[in-house]
Amino acid sequence: MVDVDIEELKHDSYLTILATAVSYGVLLGIMTVLLFGVPYVLFRFFL
């Protein structure tokens, strides 16, 4: 089994990977709402 010390995961590169994944997730959520949620609300309630 691989023995990984938790201190090794506190390197800047791991923080960059985590921040990139979170930012892509947030961007994907925003784009999903804009591309699907806004047209749904427009057609459902206003047209």
PDB file of N, CA and C in Angstrom:
ATOM      1  N   MET A   1       0.836  -1.181   0.000  1.00  0.00           N
ATOM      2  CA  MET A   1       0.000   0.000   0.000  1.00  0.00           C
ATOM      3  C   MET A   1       0.882   1.245   0.000  1.00  0.00           C
ATOM      4  N   VAL A   2       0.378   2.310  -0.561  1.00  0.00           N
ATOM      5  CA  VAL A   2       1.151   3.542  -0.678  1.00  0.00           C
ATOM      6  C   VAL A   2       1.071   4.309   0.631  1.00  0.00           C
ATOM      7  N   ASP A   3       2.227   4.702   1.147  1.00  0.00           N
ATOM      8  CA  ASP A   3       2.269   5.467   2.388  1.00  0.00           C
ATOM      9  C   ASP A   3       2.482   6.941   2.037  1.00  0.00           C
ATOM     10  N   VAL A   4       1.400   7.745   2.175  1.00  0.00           N
ATOM     11  CA  VAL A   4       1.467   9.159   1.826  1.00  0.00           C
ATOM     12  C   VAL A   4       1.288   9.980   3.093  1.00  0.00           C
ATOM     13  N   ASP A   5       2.231  10.867   3.336  1.00  0.00           N
ATOM     14  CA  ASP A   5       2.135  11.769   4.475  1.00  0.00           C
ATOM     15  C   ASP A   5       1.235  12.938   4.097  1.00  0.00           C
ATOM     16  N   ILE A   6       0.349  13.320   4.999  1.00  0.00           N
ATOM     17  CA  ILE A   6      -0.606  14.397   4.710  1.00  0.00           C
ATOM     18  C   ILE A   6       0.113  15.723   4.465  1.00  0.00           C
ATOM     19  N   GLU A   7       1.286  15.891   4.999  1.00  0.00           N
ATOM     20  CA  GLU A   7       2.052  17.130   4.792  1.00  0.00           C
ATOM     21  C   GLU A   7       2.514  17.260   3.340  1.00  0.00           C
ATOM     22  N   GLU A   8       2.673  16.138   2.661  1.00  0.00           N
ATOM     23  CA  GLU A   8       3.083  16.185   1.261  1.00  0.00           C
ATOM     24  C   GLU A   8       1.978  16.748   0.372  1.00  0.00           C
ATOM     25  N   LEU A   9       0.731  16.660   0.822  1.00  0.00           N
ATOM     26  CA  LEU A   9      -0.391  17.137   0.025  1.00  0.00           C
ATOM     27  C   LEU A   9      -0.658  18.626   0.222  1.00  0.00           C
ATOM     28  N   LYS A  10       0.138  19.288   1.016  1.00  0.00           N
ATOM     29  CA  LYS A  10      -0.026  20.720   1.246  1.00  0.00           C
ATOM     30  C   LYS A  10       0.864  21.560   0.327  1.00  0.00           C
ATOM     31  N   HIS A  11       1.345  20.949  -0.721  1.00  0.00           N
ATOM     32  CA  HIS A  11       2.180  21.651  -1.692  1.00  0.00           C
ATOM     33  C   HIS A  11       1.311  22.558  -2.542  1.00  0.00           C
ATOM     34  N   ASP A  12       1.911  23.617  -3.083  1.00  0.00           N
ATOM     35  CA  ASP A  12       1.158  24.588  -3.884  1.00  0.00           C
ATOM     36  C   ASP A  12       0.501  23.964  -5.110  1.00  0.00           C
ATOM     37  N   SER A  13       1.114  22.950  -5.676  1.00  0.00           N
ATOM     38  CA  SER A  13       0.541  22.347  -6.881  1.00  0.00           C
ATOM     39  C   SER A  13      -0.778  21.656  -6.576  1.00  0.00           C
ATOM     40  N   TYR A  14      -0.900  21.027  -5.404  1.00  0.00           N
ATOM     41  CA  TYR A  14      -2.165  20.391  -5.046  1.00  0.00           C
ATOM     42  C   TYR A  14      -3.247  21.428  -4.778  1.00  0.00           C
ATOM     43  N   LEU A  15      -2.866  22.530  -4.187  1.00  0.00           N
ATOM     44  CA  LEU A  15      -3.820  23.619  -3.966  1.00  0.00           C
ATOM     45  C   LEU A  15      -4.290  24.193  -5.302  1.00  0.00           C
ATOM     46  N   THR A  16      -3.397  24.278  -6.269  1.00  0.00           N
ATOM     47  CA  THR A  16      -3.751  24.762  -7.602  1.00  0.00           C
ATOM     48  C   THR A  16      -4.714  23.804  -8.287  1.00  0.00           C
ATOM     49  N   ILE A  17      -4.464  22.509  -8.159  1.00  0.00           N
ATOM     50  CA  ILE A  17      -5.364  21.504  -8.745  1.00  0.00           C
ATOM     51  C   ILE A  17      -6.748  21.608  -8.120  1.00  0.00           C
ATOM     52  N   LEU A  18      -6.811  21.731  -6.821  1.00  0.00           N
ATOM     53  CA  LEU A  18      -8.094  21.846  -6.127  1.00  0.00           C
ATOM     54  C   LEU A  18      -8.827  23.119  -6.535  1.00  0.00           C
ATOM     55  N   ALA A  19      -8.127  24.236  -6.578  1.00  0.00           N
ATOM     56  CA  ALA A  19      -8.751  25.501  -6.966  1.00  0.00           C
ATOM     57  C   ALA A  19      -9.246  25.457  -8.404  1.00  0.00           C
ATOM     58  N   THR A  20      -8.494  24.822  -9.286  1.00  0.00           N
ATOM     59  CA  THR A  20      -8.915  24.694 -10.680  1.00  0.00           C
ATOM     60  C   THR A  20     -10.174  23.846 -10.793  1.00  0.00           C
ATOM     61  N   ALA A  21     -10.216  22.732 -10.087  1.00  0.00           N
ATOM     62  CA  ALA A  21     -11.390  21.860 -10.133  1.00  0.00           C
ATOM     63  C   ALA A  21     -12.623  22.576  -9.582  1.00  0.00           C
ATOM     64  N   VAL A  22     -12.463  23.295  -8.483  1.00  0.00           N
ATOM     65  CA  VAL A  22     -13.590  24.020  -7.900  1.00  0.00           C
ATOM     66  C   VAL A  22     -14.059  25.125  -8.841  1.00  0.00           C
ATOM     67  N   SER A  23     -13.129  25.860  -9.432  1.00  0.00           N
ATOM     68  CA  SER A  23     -13.524  26.948 -10.321  1.00  0.00           C
ATOM     69  C   SER A  23     -14.206  26.424 -11.580  1.00  0.00           C
ATOM     70  N   TYR A  24     -13.746  25.293 -12.123  1.00  0.00           N
ATOM     71  CA  TYR A  24     -14.422  24.696 -13.270  1.00  0.00           C
ATOM     72  C   TYR A  24     -15.830  24.238 -12.881  1.00  0.00           C
ATOM     73  N   GLY A  25     -15.979  23.699 -11.688  1.00  0.00           N
ATOM     74  CA  GLY A  25     -17.301  23.282 -11.221  1.00  0.00           C
ATOM     75  C   GLY A  25     -18.256  24.455 -11.080  1.00  0.00           C
ATOM     76  N   VAL A  26     -17.766  25.548 -10.527  1.00  0.00           N
ATOM     77  CA  VAL A  26     -18.591  26.755 -10.390  1.00  0.00           C
ATOM     78  C   VAL A  26     -18.955  27.304 -11.763  1.00  0.00           C
ATOM     79  N   LEU A  27     -17.993  27.355 -12.655  1.00  0.00           N
ATOM     80  CA  LEU A  27     -18.257  27.844 -14.011  1.00  0.00           C
ATOM     81  C   LEU A  27     -19.271  26.951 -14.726  1.00  0.00           C
ATOM     82  N   LEU A  28     -19.149  25.642 -14.567  1.00  0.00           N
ATOM     83  CA  LEU A  28     -20.095  24.718 -15.177  1.00  0.00           C
ATOM     84  C   LEU A  28     -21.498  24.932 -14.620  1.00  0.00           C
ATOM     85  N   GLY A  29     -21.603  25.165 -13.318  1.00  0.00           N
ATOM     86  CA  GLY A  29     -22.903  25.435 -12.719  1.00  0.00           C
ATOM     87  C   GLY A  29     -23.525  26.718 -13.243  1.00  0.00           C
ATOM     88  N   ILE A  30     -22.732  27.759 -13.354  1.00  0.00           N
ATOM     89  CA  ILE A  30     -23.234  29.040 -13.876  1.00  0.00           C
ATOM     90  C   ILE A  30     -23.675  28.891 -15.324  1.00  0.00           C
ATOM     91  N   MET A  31     -22.880  28.218 -16.139  1.00  0.00           N
ATOM     92  CA  MET A  31     -23.231  28.039 -17.543  1.00  0.00           C
ATOM     93  C   MET A  31     -24.490  27.192 -17.691  1.00  0.00           C
ATOM     94  N   THR A  32     -24.657  26.181 -16.839  1.00  0.00           N
ATOM     95  CA  THR A  32     -25.852  25.347 -16.894  1.00  0.00           C
ATOM     96  C   THR A  32     -27.088  26.164 -16.585  1.00  0.00           C
ATOM     97  N   VAL A  33     -27.007  27.004 -15.559  1.00  0.00           N
ATOM     98  CA  VAL A  33     -28.143  27.860 -15.219  1.00  0.00           C
ATOM     99  C   VAL A  33     -28.442  28.829 -16.350  1.00  0.00           C
ATOM    100  N   LEU A  34     -27.416  29.422 -16.934  1.00  0.00           N
ATOM    101  CA  LEU A  34     -27.640  30.378 -18.017  1.00  0.00           C
ATOM    102  C   LEU A  34     -28.196  29.716 -19.272  1.00  0.00           C
ATOM    103  N   LEU A  35     -27.693  28.539 -19.611  1.00  0.00           N
ATOM    104  CA  LEU A  35     -28.097  27.896 -20.858  1.00  0.00           C
ATOM    105  C   LEU A  35     -29.424  27.144 -20.755  1.00  0.00           C
ATOM    106  N   PHE A  36     -29.767  26.657 -19.571  1.00  0.00           N
ATOM    107  CA  PHE A  36     -30.980  25.860 -19.429  1.00  0.00           C
ATOM    108  C   PHE A  36     -32.001  26.497 -18.488  1.00  0.00           C
ATOM    109  N   GLY A  37     -31.550  27.066 -17.402  1.00  0.00           N
ATOM    110  CA  GLY A  37     -32.474  27.635 -16.421  1.00  0.00           C
ATOM    111  C   GLY A  37     -33.157  28.895 -16.901  1.00  0.00           C
ATOM    112  N   VAL A  38     -32.405  29.817 -17.465  1.00  0.00           N
ATOM    113  CA  VAL A  38     -32.978  31.090 -17.922  1.00  0.00           C
ATOM    114  C   VAL A  38     -33.983  30.872 -19.051  1.00  0.00           C
ATOM    115  N   PRO A  39     -33.678  30.097 -20.096  1.00  0.00           N
ATOM    116  CA  PRO A  39     -34.699  29.855 -21.121  1.00  0.00           C
ATOM    117  C   PRO A  39     -35.930  29.138 -20.563  1.00  0.00           C
ATOM    118  N   TYR A  40     -35.744  28.209 -19.643  1.00  0.00           N
ATOM    119  CA  TYR A  40     -36.886  27.514 -19.049  1.00  0.00           C
ATOM    120  C   TYR A  40     -37.802  28.499 -18.333  1.00  0.00           C
ATOM    121  N   VAL A  41     -37.228  29.380 -17.531  1.00  0.00           N
ATOM    122  CA  VAL A  41     -38.034  30.366 -16.810  1.00  0.00           C
ATOM    123  C   VAL A  41     -38.725  31.306 -17.791  1.00  0.00           C
ATOM    124  N   LEU A  42     -38.017  31.731 -18.820  1.00  0.00           N
ATOM    125  CA  LEU A  42     -38.615  32.625 -19.805  1.00  0.00           C
ATOM    126  C   LEU A  42     -39.809  31.980 -20.504  1.00  0.00           C
ATOM    127  N   PHE A  43     -39.636  30.769 -21.000  1.00  0.00           N
ATOM    128  CA  PHE A  43     -40.713  30.112 -21.733  1.00  0.00           C
ATOM    129  C   PHE A  43     -41.827  29.633 -20.817  1.00  0.00           C
ATOM    130  N   ARG A  44     -41.494  29.278 -19.586  1.00  0.00           N
ATOM    131  CA  ARG A  44     -42.503  28.755 -18.662  1.00  0.00           C
ATOM    132  C   ARG A  44     -43.399  29.852 -18.124  1.00  0.00           C
ATOM    133  N   PHE A  45     -42.845  31.006 -17.786  1.00  0.00           N
ATOM    134  CA  PHE A  45     -43.605  32.011 -17.072  1.00  0.00           C
ATOM    135  C   PHE A  45     -43.927  33.257 -17.893  1.00  0.00           C
ATOM    136  N   PHE A  46     -43.198  33.518 -18.977  1.00  0.00           N
ATOM    137  CA  PHE A  46     -43.394  34.787 -19.690  1.00  0.00           C
ATOM    138  C   PHE A  46     -43.875  34.614 -21.122  1.00  0.00           C
ATOM    139  N   LEU A  47     -43.715  33.462 -21.726  1.00  0.00           N
ATOM    140  CA  LEU A  47     -44.116  33.291 -23.116  1.00  0.00           C
ATOM    141  C   LEU A  47     -45.207  32.242 -23.247  1.00  0.00           C
TER     142      LEU A  47
END
